[in-house]
Amino acid sequence: MTPAWRTATTTEVNAGRIAGVFGLRGELKLDASRIGNDALVVGLVVHARLANGSERALRIEALRLHQGRPLVTFEGIADATAAAALVGARLRVARDAVRMRSDEFFDDDLVGCMLVDPGGTALGEVRAVEHHGVQDLLVVGPQRAMVPLVRAFIRQVDLAGRRILVSLPPGLLDPSEAEDENAQ
């Protein structure tokens, strides 16, 4: 049985959020996710969940950067009034529209994987992935321990086997381990 907090792998991923209207011709400011920054291109259809809960498919007509922020125009959105109705919408794109390197993973794919040490001992299950400015973090086990998603700790990700091999310093998952080690 899948735990309630475990989200099933989806066919769409977060591309960001519409942050506001830019100008009078229907152009919109995006707060794009890392995935959105890579995946959004002219002609791509995105799925928007609007602030009122309704959903709408939108095709990108034009896309450009302004002071480092993506600005987008969607087909059929020709003025600021029509654009304003989309502000706050969350955007999702098809997973297969996203190009990823071999060492990149979707959050949904990591959630539910078991962290194991080099000896094969299970350390805890990944419950979530959090994104922070400096690094991403795996949220592990019911205590919600935070494991930085960095090469120094993550040795191998085996999505098929649902395992993440890690080499962690004492105390990262259980602070009492660090205290015990310091006392010796």
Foldseek 3Di string as FASTA:
>chain_A
DDDPLQDADDQKDWQFFFAADDDWFLKTWTPTDPQNVQQDDAQFWKWWQFPVRDIDIWGWHDWDDDPRTIITHTPPRTTRVSNHRRHGIIIIHGPVSGDDDPLDDDFSLLAQAFEAEPVGHTDFGFSTWADDDPFIWTQGHPVRQTDTPDCQFFPDDDSVNSYTYTDDDQCRSPVVRVVVVVVD
